[in-house]
Every structure is written in C-alpha cells, then in structure tokens.
C-alpha cells in the first residue's frame, strides 16, 4: 500500500521539528491578552466605571478565546491519534494479507463474498417488488387500468435492473449455471 501524502520516514504522530512557528491560536491569544491588559490599564488610569466594564468584557472575550483555542488543539490531537491508529491498523491488515499462506487471497475472497452477498440481497429485494406488483395487478385487473399499468411498468423496470445485476461484466451476456429450485 502506498501513501498519498508526505513520503518522509518520520511518523505522522510526531511532527517534524520546526523553528518558532506562528500559529493562529497563539497570535489570537496574544492579541486578546494585550486588549485585556490595555483595558485594565485604561480603567485603572481613568478610575471610571465604564473602563472597568470594558475590562470585564475584554476578560470574557479572553476566556472565550482560550476555551476555543485549547478545545480545538485538544480535538486536533485526538483526531491525529485516531488517524495514526487507523493507519497502523490498515498497514497491519495489509501486511497480514500479503504474508498469509495463500499470498493475500483471503482478503480478495472475503471481498468477493461480501459483494456477492450484497448482490443477492438486492436481487431478493427486486423479487419482492415483483411479487408485490403482481398482487397489485391481481387486485386491480378489472377495476383500475392506471394502477395496473403502473404496476406493469414497475415490474419491467425492476426486471431490467435485476437482469443487469446478474450479467457478466465482460460481454454483457447472462451468467451461465444451474438453476436450483
């Protein structure tokens, strides 16, 4: 399996060492602290009620900014940890599949079985639709020609879609095999 991102040797859980980085959170927090300090100094110099109200509002914005910045950082760390564990799990699965006794065919067989089960479920649903529409036709055969026409159209569409699910991909011919009753 080949990674689409950076092909460096370092792990994605430990970022590459950099110089002093400017993060938006750091800059925003610095601005909020300066606004708060300016408001407190202004309120102390003027000794005015409005100055202290502005300082309290600035403190509220500082607390809100700190909550947002630290919350986002924590969520980012948790997301990075989850991505790292998922990536390690996928790498482990790919390694086990290729190193298996059948040369990695277990995963392919499992996928084919899963796809086959989904196709069988879709075909079963199509047959149920046809059965319901046949009952609608029986109930409305002499009564409602519009309802019978819609039911026949639904049967035609469902049969066409069902046949498309059982055709081979290469030639568009139906699959050959034995019919089991």
N, C-alpha and C. Protein backbone atom coordinates (compact mmCIF):
# COMPACT_ATOMS: atom_id res chain seq x y z
N UNK A 1 0.84 -1.16 0.00
CA UNK A 1 0.00 0.00 0.00
C UNK A 1 0.89 1.22 0.00
N UNK A 2 0.54 2.20 -0.80
CA UNK A 2 1.37 3.39 -0.92
C UNK A 2 0.61 4.58 -0.38
N UNK A 3 1.28 5.39 0.40
CA UNK A 3 0.67 6.56 0.99
C UNK A 3 0.56 7.66 -0.05
N UNK A 4 -0.51 8.44 0.06
CA UNK A 4 -0.71 9.54 -0.87
C UNK A 4 -0.07 10.83 -0.40
N UNK A 5 0.21 10.90 0.88
CA UNK A 5 0.74 12.15 1.44
C UNK A 5 2.24 12.24 1.37
N UNK A 6 2.80 12.82 2.42
CA UNK A 6 4.24 13.01 2.52
C UNK A 6 4.91 11.65 2.66
N UNK A 7 5.93 11.37 1.88
CA UNK A 7 6.62 10.08 1.91
C UNK A 7 7.86 10.11 2.78
N UNK A 8 7.89 10.97 3.79
CA UNK A 8 9.06 11.04 4.66
C UNK A 8 9.06 9.85 5.61
N UNK A 9 10.19 9.63 6.27
CA UNK A 9 10.36 8.48 7.14
C UNK A 9 9.73 8.73 8.50
N UNK A 10 9.55 9.99 8.89
CA UNK A 10 9.04 10.32 10.21
C UNK A 10 7.59 9.90 10.35
N UNK A 11 7.19 9.60 11.56
CA UNK A 11 5.82 9.21 11.86
C UNK A 11 4.92 10.43 11.80
N UNK A 12 3.63 10.20 11.45
CA UNK A 12 2.70 11.32 11.39
C UNK A 12 2.28 11.77 12.78
N UNK A 13 2.53 10.93 13.81
CA UNK A 13 2.15 11.31 15.16
C UNK A 13 3.11 12.34 15.74
N UNK A 14 4.36 12.34 15.30
CA UNK A 14 5.33 13.31 15.79
C UNK A 14 5.69 14.25 14.65
N UNK A 15 5.25 15.50 14.75
CA UNK A 15 5.54 16.43 13.67
C UNK A 15 7.02 16.75 13.58
N UNK A 16 7.44 17.15 12.39
CA UNK A 16 8.84 17.49 12.16
C UNK A 16 9.19 18.72 12.99
N UNK A 17 10.38 18.76 13.59
CA UNK A 17 10.76 19.92 14.38
C UNK A 17 10.92 21.15 13.47
N UNK A 18 10.39 22.25 13.93
CA UNK A 18 10.46 23.48 13.16
C UNK A 18 10.98 24.58 14.08
N UNK A 19 11.23 25.71 13.45
CA UNK A 19 11.59 26.87 14.25
C UNK A 19 10.36 27.38 14.97
N UNK A 20 10.44 28.59 15.51
CA UNK A 20 9.31 29.15 16.21
C UNK A 20 8.19 29.35 15.23
N UNK A 21 7.10 28.64 15.41
CA UNK A 21 6.01 28.71 14.43
C UNK A 21 4.95 29.70 14.89
N UNK A 22 4.36 30.38 13.93
CA UNK A 22 3.26 31.29 14.19
C UNK A 22 1.97 30.52 14.00
N UNK A 23 1.30 30.26 15.07
CA UNK A 23 0.01 29.59 14.99
C UNK A 23 -1.06 30.64 15.21
N UNK A 24 -2.19 30.46 14.55
CA UNK A 24 -3.28 31.42 14.67
C UNK A 24 -3.76 31.51 16.11
N UNK A 25 -3.76 30.39 16.81
CA UNK A 25 -4.18 30.40 18.21
C UNK A 25 -3.25 31.22 19.08
N UNK A 26 -1.96 31.10 18.85
CA UNK A 26 -1.00 31.87 19.64
C UNK A 26 -1.14 33.37 19.39
N UNK A 27 -1.30 33.72 18.12
CA UNK A 27 -1.44 35.14 17.78
C UNK A 27 -2.73 35.70 18.35
N UNK A 28 -3.81 34.95 18.20
CA UNK A 28 -5.11 35.39 18.72
C UNK A 28 -5.09 35.55 20.23
N UNK A 29 -4.47 34.61 20.91
CA UNK A 29 -4.39 34.71 22.37
C UNK A 29 -3.54 35.91 22.78
N UNK A 30 -2.44 36.17 22.07
CA UNK A 30 -1.59 37.32 22.39
C UNK A 30 -2.38 38.62 22.20
N UNK A 31 -3.15 38.70 21.15
CA UNK A 31 -3.96 39.91 20.91
C UNK A 31 -4.99 40.08 22.01
N UNK A 32 -5.65 39.00 22.41
CA UNK A 32 -6.67 39.10 23.46
C UNK A 32 -6.05 39.50 24.80
N UNK A 33 -4.87 38.98 25.11
CA UNK A 33 -4.19 39.37 26.35
C UNK A 33 -3.82 40.85 26.31
N UNK A 34 -3.31 41.32 25.16
CA UNK A 34 -2.97 42.74 25.05
C UNK A 34 -4.21 43.62 25.18
N UNK A 35 -5.31 43.23 24.58
CA UNK A 35 -6.56 44.01 24.71
C UNK A 35 -6.99 44.05 26.17
N UNK A 36 -6.92 42.91 26.83
CA UNK A 36 -7.31 42.88 28.24
C UNK A 36 -6.40 43.76 29.10
N UNK A 37 -5.10 43.65 28.89
CA UNK A 37 -4.17 44.48 29.68
C UNK A 37 -4.38 45.97 29.40
N UNK A 38 -4.60 46.31 28.14
CA UNK A 38 -4.87 47.71 27.79
C UNK A 38 -6.14 48.20 28.46
N UNK A 39 -7.18 47.36 28.49
CA UNK A 39 -8.44 47.76 29.13
C UNK A 39 -8.25 47.93 30.63
N UNK A 40 -7.48 47.06 31.25
CA UNK A 40 -7.26 47.18 32.70
C UNK A 40 -6.45 48.44 33.01
N UNK A 41 -5.41 48.71 32.24
CA UNK A 41 -4.59 49.91 32.46
C UNK A 41 -5.43 51.16 32.23
N UNK A 42 -6.23 51.16 31.18
CA UNK A 42 -7.09 52.31 30.88
C UNK A 42 -8.09 52.53 32.02
N UNK A 43 -8.70 51.43 32.51
CA UNK A 43 -9.68 51.54 33.59
C UNK A 43 -9.01 52.02 34.87
N UNK A 44 -7.80 51.57 35.15
CA UNK A 44 -7.11 51.99 36.38
C UNK A 44 -6.71 53.47 36.30
N UNK A 45 -6.29 53.93 35.13
CA UNK A 45 -5.89 55.33 34.99
C UNK A 45 -7.09 56.25 35.06
N UNK A 46 -8.16 55.89 34.45
CA UNK A 46 -9.33 56.76 34.42
C UNK A 46 -10.18 56.61 35.68
N UNK A 47 -10.06 55.46 36.35
CA UNK A 47 -10.86 55.15 37.54
C UNK A 47 -12.33 55.42 37.26
N UNK A 48 -12.79 54.82 36.14
CA UNK A 48 -14.14 55.05 35.65
C UNK A 48 -14.89 53.73 35.60
N UNK A 49 -16.18 53.76 35.84
CA UNK A 49 -16.99 52.54 35.82
C UNK A 49 -17.02 51.94 34.41
N UNK A 50 -17.13 52.76 33.41
CA UNK A 50 -17.17 52.27 32.04
C UNK A 50 -15.87 51.57 31.67
N UNK A 51 -14.75 52.07 32.14
CA UNK A 51 -13.46 51.43 31.89
C UNK A 51 -13.40 50.03 32.50
N UNK A 52 -13.94 49.88 33.72
CA UNK A 52 -13.94 48.56 34.35
C UNK A 52 -14.92 47.61 33.65
N UNK A 53 -16.02 48.13 33.16
CA UNK A 53 -16.96 47.29 32.39
C UNK A 53 -16.29 46.79 31.12
N UNK A 54 -15.56 47.68 30.46
CA UNK A 54 -14.82 47.27 29.24
C UNK A 54 -13.76 46.23 29.59
N UNK A 55 -13.09 46.40 30.73
CA UNK A 55 -12.08 45.41 31.15
C UNK A 55 -12.72 44.06 31.42
N UNK A 56 -13.90 44.03 32.02
CA UNK A 56 -14.60 42.77 32.28
C UNK A 56 -15.03 42.11 30.97
N UNK A 57 -15.50 42.93 30.02
CA UNK A 57 -15.89 42.38 28.71
C UNK A 57 -14.65 41.81 28.01
N UNK A 58 -13.53 42.51 28.08
CA UNK A 58 -12.30 42.02 27.48
C UNK A 58 -11.85 40.71 28.14
N UNK A 59 -12.02 40.61 29.46
CA UNK A 59 -11.69 39.37 30.16
C UNK A 59 -12.59 38.23 29.68
N UNK A 60 -13.86 38.51 29.49
CA UNK A 60 -14.78 37.49 28.98
C UNK A 60 -14.36 36.99 27.61
N UNK A 61 -13.98 37.90 26.72
CA UNK A 61 -13.51 37.52 25.39
C UNK A 61 -12.21 36.72 25.47
N UNK A 62 -11.35 37.08 26.41
CA UNK A 62 -10.09 36.35 26.59
C UNK A 62 -10.37 34.91 27.06
N UNK A 63 -11.29 34.76 28.00
CA UNK A 63 -11.65 33.42 28.47
C UNK A 63 -12.28 32.60 27.34
N UNK A 64 -13.16 33.22 26.57
CA UNK A 64 -13.79 32.52 25.44
C UNK A 64 -12.75 32.11 24.40
N UNK A 65 -11.82 32.99 24.09
CA UNK A 65 -10.77 32.67 23.11
C UNK A 65 -9.89 31.54 23.62
N UNK A 66 -9.56 31.56 24.91
CA UNK A 66 -8.73 30.49 25.47
C UNK A 66 -9.47 29.16 25.40
N UNK A 67 -10.76 29.15 25.71
CA UNK A 67 -11.56 27.93 25.63
C UNK A 67 -11.58 27.37 24.21
N UNK A 68 -11.79 28.24 23.24
CA UNK A 68 -11.83 27.79 21.84
C UNK A 68 -10.47 27.26 21.39
N UNK A 69 -9.41 28.01 21.66
CA UNK A 69 -8.07 27.61 21.20
C UNK A 69 -7.66 26.28 21.82
N UNK A 70 -7.83 26.13 23.13
CA UNK A 70 -7.41 24.89 23.77
C UNK A 70 -8.34 23.73 23.41
N UNK A 71 -9.61 24.01 23.19
CA UNK A 71 -10.53 22.97 22.75
C UNK A 71 -10.19 22.44 21.36
N UNK A 72 -9.88 23.36 20.45
CA UNK A 72 -9.50 22.95 19.10
C UNK A 72 -8.19 22.18 19.11
N UNK A 73 -7.23 22.63 19.90
CA UNK A 73 -5.96 21.91 19.99
C UNK A 73 -6.15 20.49 20.52
N UNK A 74 -6.98 20.35 21.55
CA UNK A 74 -7.23 19.02 22.10
C UNK A 74 -7.93 18.12 21.09
N UNK A 75 -8.92 18.67 20.38
CA UNK A 75 -9.62 17.88 19.37
C UNK A 75 -8.68 17.49 18.24
N UNK A 76 -7.78 18.38 17.88
CA UNK A 76 -6.81 18.08 16.82
C UNK A 76 -5.88 16.95 17.24
N UNK A 77 -5.43 16.99 18.48
CA UNK A 77 -4.55 15.91 18.98
C UNK A 77 -5.27 14.57 18.97
N UNK A 78 -6.53 14.57 19.43
CA UNK A 78 -7.29 13.32 19.45
C UNK A 78 -7.51 12.79 18.03
N UNK A 79 -7.81 13.69 17.10
CA UNK A 79 -8.02 13.26 15.71
C UNK A 79 -6.73 12.71 15.12
N UNK A 80 -5.60 13.34 15.41
CA UNK A 80 -4.31 12.83 14.91
C UNK A 80 -4.02 11.45 15.48
N UNK A 81 -4.33 11.24 16.76
CA UNK A 81 -4.12 9.93 17.36
C UNK A 81 -5.01 8.87 16.70
N UNK A 82 -6.27 9.22 16.45
CA UNK A 82 -7.18 8.26 15.80
C UNK A 82 -6.70 7.93 14.40
N UNK A 83 -6.30 8.94 13.65
CA UNK A 83 -5.79 8.69 12.30
C UNK A 83 -4.54 7.81 12.34
N UNK A 84 -3.67 8.05 13.30
CA UNK A 84 -2.46 7.24 13.41
C UNK A 84 -2.80 5.79 13.73
N UNK A 85 -3.76 5.56 14.63
CA UNK A 85 -4.14 4.18 14.95
C UNK A 85 -4.83 3.50 13.78
N UNK A 86 -5.66 4.23 13.07
CA UNK A 86 -6.33 3.65 11.89
C UNK A 86 -5.31 3.32 10.82
N UNK A 87 -4.36 4.21 10.60
CA UNK A 87 -3.33 3.97 9.60
C UNK A 87 -2.48 2.77 9.98
N UNK A 88 -2.13 2.65 11.27
CA UNK A 88 -1.35 1.49 11.71
C UNK A 88 -2.15 0.21 11.57
N UNK A 89 -3.45 0.28 11.87
CA UNK A 89 -4.31 -0.90 11.73
C UNK A 89 -4.42 -1.33 10.28
N UNK A 90 -4.61 -0.38 9.38
CA UNK A 90 -4.68 -0.71 7.96
C UNK A 90 -3.36 -1.25 7.44
N UNK A 91 -2.26 -0.68 7.89
CA UNK A 91 -0.95 -1.19 7.47
C UNK A 91 -0.75 -2.61 7.98
N UNK A 92 -1.20 -2.88 9.20
CA UNK A 92 -1.10 -4.23 9.76
C UNK A 92 -1.95 -5.22 8.99
N UNK A 93 -3.16 -4.82 8.61
CA UNK A 93 -4.03 -5.71 7.84
C UNK A 93 -3.44 -5.99 6.47
N UNK A 94 -2.90 -4.98 5.84
CA UNK A 94 -2.31 -5.17 4.51
C UNK A 94 -1.09 -6.08 4.61
N UNK A 95 -0.31 -5.94 5.67
CA UNK A 95 0.86 -6.79 5.86
C UNK A 95 0.47 -8.24 6.12
N UNK A 96 -0.58 -8.43 6.91
CA UNK A 96 -1.04 -9.80 7.19
C UNK A 96 -1.64 -10.43 5.94
N UNK A 97 -2.34 -9.65 5.13
CA UNK A 97 -2.97 -10.20 3.92
C UNK A 97 -1.94 -10.67 2.92
N UNK A 98 -0.87 -9.90 2.74
CA UNK A 98 0.15 -10.27 1.76
C UNK A 98 1.03 -11.39 2.27
N UNK A 99 1.15 -11.51 3.59
CA UNK A 99 2.04 -12.52 4.14
C UNK A 99 1.30 -13.81 4.49
N UNK A 100 0.00 -13.89 4.18
CA UNK A 100 -0.77 -15.08 4.52
C UNK A 100 -0.34 -16.28 3.70
N UNK A 101 -0.85 -17.47 4.07
CA UNK A 101 -0.44 -18.68 3.38
C UNK A 101 -0.91 -18.72 1.92
N UNK A 102 -1.97 -18.02 1.60
CA UNK A 102 -2.47 -18.02 0.22
C UNK A 102 -1.98 -16.82 -0.57
N UNK A 103 -1.03 -16.09 -0.06
CA UNK A 103 -0.46 -14.96 -0.79
C UNK A 103 -1.40 -13.77 -0.89
N UNK A 104 -2.25 -13.55 0.11
CA UNK A 104 -3.12 -12.37 0.10
C UNK A 104 -4.47 -12.62 -0.51
N UNK A 105 -4.80 -13.85 -0.83
CA UNK A 105 -6.09 -14.12 -1.46
C UNK A 105 -7.24 -14.14 -0.47
N UNK A 106 -6.94 -14.21 0.85
CA UNK A 106 -8.03 -14.22 1.82
C UNK A 106 -8.83 -12.93 1.75
N UNK A 107 -8.15 -11.81 1.64
CA UNK A 107 -8.85 -10.53 1.57
C UNK A 107 -9.68 -10.43 0.30
N UNK A 108 -9.18 -10.92 -0.80
CA UNK A 108 -9.92 -10.87 -2.06
C UNK A 108 -11.15 -11.76 -1.97
N UNK A 109 -10.98 -12.97 -1.44
CA UNK A 109 -12.12 -13.87 -1.30
C UNK A 109 -13.17 -13.30 -0.37
N UNK A 110 -12.72 -12.67 0.71
CA UNK A 110 -13.66 -12.05 1.65
C UNK A 110 -14.44 -10.93 0.96
N UNK A 111 -13.76 -10.13 0.17
CA UNK A 111 -14.42 -9.03 -0.55
C UNK A 111 -15.41 -9.58 -1.58
N UNK A 112 -15.04 -10.64 -2.31
CA UNK A 112 -15.94 -11.24 -3.29
C UNK A 112 -17.17 -11.79 -2.60
N UNK A 113 -17.00 -12.43 -1.46
CA UNK A 113 -18.13 -12.96 -0.71
C UNK A 113 -19.05 -11.84 -0.25
N UNK A 114 -18.47 -10.74 0.20
CA UNK A 114 -19.28 -9.60 0.67
C UNK A 114 -20.05 -8.97 -0.48
N UNK A 115 -19.39 -8.80 -1.63
CA UNK A 115 -20.06 -8.22 -2.80
C UNK A 115 -21.17 -9.14 -3.27
N UNK A 116 -20.90 -10.44 -3.26
CA UNK A 116 -21.91 -11.40 -3.68
C UNK A 116 -23.12 -11.37 -2.76
N UNK A 117 -22.89 -11.23 -1.46
CA UNK A 117 -23.99 -11.16 -0.51
C UNK A 117 -24.84 -9.91 -0.73
N UNK A 118 -24.21 -8.79 -1.03
CA UNK A 118 -24.94 -7.55 -1.30
C UNK A 118 -25.77 -7.70 -2.58
N UNK A 119 -25.18 -8.30 -3.62
CA UNK A 119 -25.91 -8.52 -4.86
C UNK A 119 -27.11 -9.42 -4.63
N UNK A 120 -26.92 -10.49 -3.86
CA UNK A 120 -28.03 -11.39 -3.57
C UNK A 120 -29.14 -10.68 -2.81
N UNK A 121 -28.77 -9.80 -1.91
CA UNK A 121 -29.77 -9.04 -1.15
C UNK A 121 -30.54 -8.10 -2.07
N UNK A 122 -29.85 -7.46 -3.01
CA UNK A 122 -30.53 -6.57 -3.96
C UNK A 122 -31.47 -7.37 -4.86
N UNK A 123 -31.03 -8.53 -5.32
CA UNK A 123 -31.89 -9.37 -6.15
C UNK A 123 -33.11 -9.83 -5.38
N UNK A 124 -32.94 -10.20 -4.12
CA UNK A 124 -34.07 -10.61 -3.28
C UNK A 124 -35.08 -9.47 -3.16
N UNK A 125 -34.58 -8.27 -2.97
CA UNK A 125 -35.46 -7.10 -2.88
C UNK A 125 -36.22 -6.89 -4.20
N UNK A 126 -35.54 -7.07 -5.32
CA UNK A 126 -36.19 -6.92 -6.62
C UNK A 126 -37.30 -7.93 -6.79
N UNK A 127 -37.05 -9.17 -6.38
CA UNK A 127 -38.09 -10.20 -6.50
C UNK A 127 -39.27 -9.89 -5.59
N UNK A 128 -39.03 -9.34 -4.42
CA UNK A 128 -40.13 -8.94 -3.52
C UNK A 128 -40.96 -7.85 -4.17
N UNK A 129 -40.31 -6.89 -4.82
CA UNK A 129 -41.04 -5.83 -5.51
C UNK A 129 -41.93 -6.42 -6.60
N UNK A 130 -41.41 -7.37 -7.36
CA UNK A 130 -42.18 -8.00 -8.43
C UNK A 130 -43.38 -8.74 -7.84
N UNK A 131 -43.20 -9.43 -6.71
CA UNK A 131 -44.31 -10.13 -6.07
C UNK A 131 -45.39 -9.16 -5.62
N UNK A 132 -45.00 -8.04 -5.04
CA UNK A 132 -45.98 -7.05 -4.59
C UNK A 132 -46.74 -6.47 -5.78
N UNK A 133 -46.03 -6.17 -6.85
CA UNK A 133 -46.69 -5.59 -8.03
C UNK A 133 -47.62 -6.61 -8.70
N UNK A 134 -47.26 -7.89 -8.67
CA UNK A 134 -48.14 -8.92 -9.21
C UNK A 134 -49.43 -8.98 -8.40
N UNK A 135 -49.34 -8.83 -7.08
CA UNK A 135 -50.54 -8.81 -6.25
C UNK A 135 -51.39 -7.58 -6.57
N UNK A 136 -50.75 -6.44 -6.80
CA UNK A 136 -51.47 -5.22 -7.17
C UNK A 136 -52.22 -5.43 -8.48
N UNK A 137 -51.58 -6.09 -9.42
CA UNK A 137 -52.23 -6.35 -10.72
C UNK A 137 -53.43 -7.26 -10.52
N UNK A 138 -53.28 -8.34 -9.73
CA UNK A 138 -54.40 -9.25 -9.48
C UNK A 138 -55.58 -8.53 -8.85
N UNK A 139 -55.30 -7.63 -7.88
CA UNK A 139 -56.37 -6.94 -7.17
C UNK A 139 -57.06 -5.89 -8.04
N UNK A 140 -56.35 -5.26 -8.98
CA UNK A 140 -56.90 -4.15 -9.75
C UNK A 140 -57.09 -4.48 -11.23
N UNK A 141 -57.11 -5.75 -11.62
CA UNK A 141 -57.12 -6.12 -13.03
C UNK A 141 -58.34 -5.58 -13.77
N UNK A 142 -59.51 -5.68 -13.26
CA UNK A 142 -60.68 -5.17 -13.96
C UNK A 142 -61.15 -3.83 -13.44
N UNK A 143 -60.52 -3.31 -12.42
CA UNK A 143 -61.01 -2.11 -11.74
C UNK A 143 -60.29 -0.83 -12.16
N UNK A 144 -58.96 -0.82 -12.08
CA UNK A 144 -58.19 0.41 -12.27
C UNK A 144 -57.07 0.15 -13.29
N UNK A 145 -57.29 0.58 -14.52
CA UNK A 145 -56.30 0.33 -15.58
C UNK A 145 -55.01 1.13 -15.34
N UNK A 146 -55.10 2.31 -14.75
CA UNK A 146 -53.92 3.12 -14.47
C UNK A 146 -53.01 2.45 -13.46
N UNK A 147 -53.61 1.88 -12.43
CA UNK A 147 -52.83 1.19 -11.39
C UNK A 147 -52.16 -0.05 -11.97
N UNK A 148 -52.88 -0.78 -12.82
CA UNK A 148 -52.31 -1.97 -13.46
C UNK A 148 -51.15 -1.57 -14.37
N UNK A 149 -51.29 -0.49 -15.10
CA UNK A 149 -50.22 -0.01 -15.99
C UNK A 149 -48.97 0.39 -15.21
N UNK A 150 -49.16 1.09 -14.08
CA UNK A 150 -48.02 1.48 -13.26
C UNK A 150 -47.34 0.25 -12.66
N UNK A 151 -48.13 -0.74 -12.25
CA UNK A 151 -47.54 -1.96 -11.69
C UNK A 151 -46.74 -2.71 -12.74
N UNK A 152 -47.27 -2.79 -13.97
CA UNK A 152 -46.53 -3.46 -15.05
C UNK A 152 -45.24 -2.71 -15.37
N UNK A 153 -45.30 -1.38 -15.37
CA UNK A 153 -44.10 -0.59 -15.62
C UNK A 153 -43.06 -0.82 -14.53
N UNK A 154 -43.50 -0.89 -13.27
CA UNK A 154 -42.59 -1.15 -12.16
C UNK A 154 -41.95 -2.52 -12.31
N UNK A 155 -42.72 -3.52 -12.73
CA UNK A 155 -42.18 -4.87 -12.92
C UNK A 155 -41.13 -4.85 -14.02
N UNK A 156 -41.41 -4.14 -15.12
CA UNK A 156 -40.45 -4.07 -16.22
C UNK A 156 -39.13 -3.43 -15.76
N UNK A 157 -39.22 -2.33 -15.05
CA UNK A 157 -38.02 -1.63 -14.58
C UNK A 157 -37.24 -2.51 -13.61
N UNK A 158 -37.95 -3.14 -12.67
CA UNK A 158 -37.30 -3.99 -11.68
C UNK A 158 -36.63 -5.19 -12.33
N UNK A 159 -37.30 -5.80 -13.31
CA UNK A 159 -36.72 -6.95 -14.00
C UNK A 159 -35.48 -6.52 -14.78
N UNK A 160 -35.53 -5.37 -15.42
CA UNK A 160 -34.37 -4.86 -16.16
C UNK A 160 -33.18 -4.64 -15.22
N UNK A 161 -33.44 -4.01 -14.07
CA UNK A 161 -32.37 -3.77 -13.10
C UNK A 161 -31.82 -5.08 -12.54
N UNK A 162 -32.71 -6.04 -12.27
CA UNK A 162 -32.27 -7.33 -11.74
C UNK A 162 -31.42 -8.09 -12.75
N UNK A 163 -31.82 -8.06 -14.02
CA UNK A 163 -31.02 -8.73 -15.04
C UNK A 163 -29.66 -8.07 -15.17
N UNK A 164 -29.60 -6.77 -14.99
CA UNK A 164 -28.32 -6.06 -15.05
C UNK A 164 -27.38 -6.49 -13.94
N UNK A 165 -27.93 -6.92 -12.81
CA UNK A 165 -27.09 -7.35 -11.69
C UNK A 165 -26.51 -8.74 -11.92
N UNK A 166 -27.14 -9.57 -12.74
CA UNK A 166 -26.65 -10.93 -12.91
C UNK A 166 -25.91 -11.14 -14.22
N UNK A 167 -25.67 -10.09 -14.98
CA UNK A 167 -24.91 -10.22 -16.22
C UNK A 167 -23.42 -10.16 -15.93
N UNK A 168 -22.64 -10.80 -16.78
CA UNK A 168 -21.19 -10.73 -16.67
C UNK A 168 -20.74 -9.34 -17.11
N UNK A 169 -19.62 -8.90 -16.58
CA UNK A 169 -19.11 -7.57 -16.91
C UNK A 169 -18.49 -7.51 -18.30
N UNK A 170 -17.89 -8.62 -18.76
CA UNK A 170 -17.10 -8.54 -19.99
C UNK A 170 -17.95 -8.48 -21.25
N UNK A 171 -18.94 -9.33 -21.40
CA UNK A 171 -19.67 -9.35 -22.66
C UNK A 171 -21.11 -8.92 -22.56
N UNK A 172 -21.61 -8.72 -21.37
CA UNK A 172 -22.99 -8.34 -21.22
C UNK A 172 -23.94 -9.52 -21.39
N UNK A 173 -23.41 -10.74 -21.41
CA UNK A 173 -24.25 -11.91 -21.55
C UNK A 173 -24.67 -12.40 -20.17
N UNK A 174 -25.83 -13.06 -20.09
CA UNK A 174 -26.26 -13.58 -18.79
C UNK A 174 -25.29 -14.62 -18.26
N UNK A 175 -25.25 -14.74 -16.96
CA UNK A 175 -24.39 -15.70 -16.30
C UNK A 175 -24.94 -17.11 -16.55
N UNK A 176 -24.06 -18.04 -16.86
CA UNK A 176 -24.48 -19.42 -17.08
C UNK A 176 -24.37 -20.18 -15.77
N UNK A 177 -25.20 -21.20 -15.62
CA UNK A 177 -25.14 -22.01 -14.41
C UNK A 177 -26.34 -22.90 -14.29
N UNK A 178 -26.47 -23.56 -13.15
CA UNK A 178 -27.55 -24.48 -12.91
C UNK A 178 -28.59 -23.78 -12.07
N UNK A 179 -29.87 -23.93 -12.47
CA UNK A 179 -30.97 -23.35 -11.72
C UNK A 179 -31.34 -24.30 -10.60
N UNK A 180 -31.39 -23.81 -9.37
CA UNK A 180 -31.75 -24.63 -8.21
C UNK A 180 -33.11 -24.20 -7.74
N UNK A 181 -34.04 -25.16 -7.63
CA UNK A 181 -35.39 -24.83 -7.17
C UNK A 181 -35.48 -24.91 -5.68
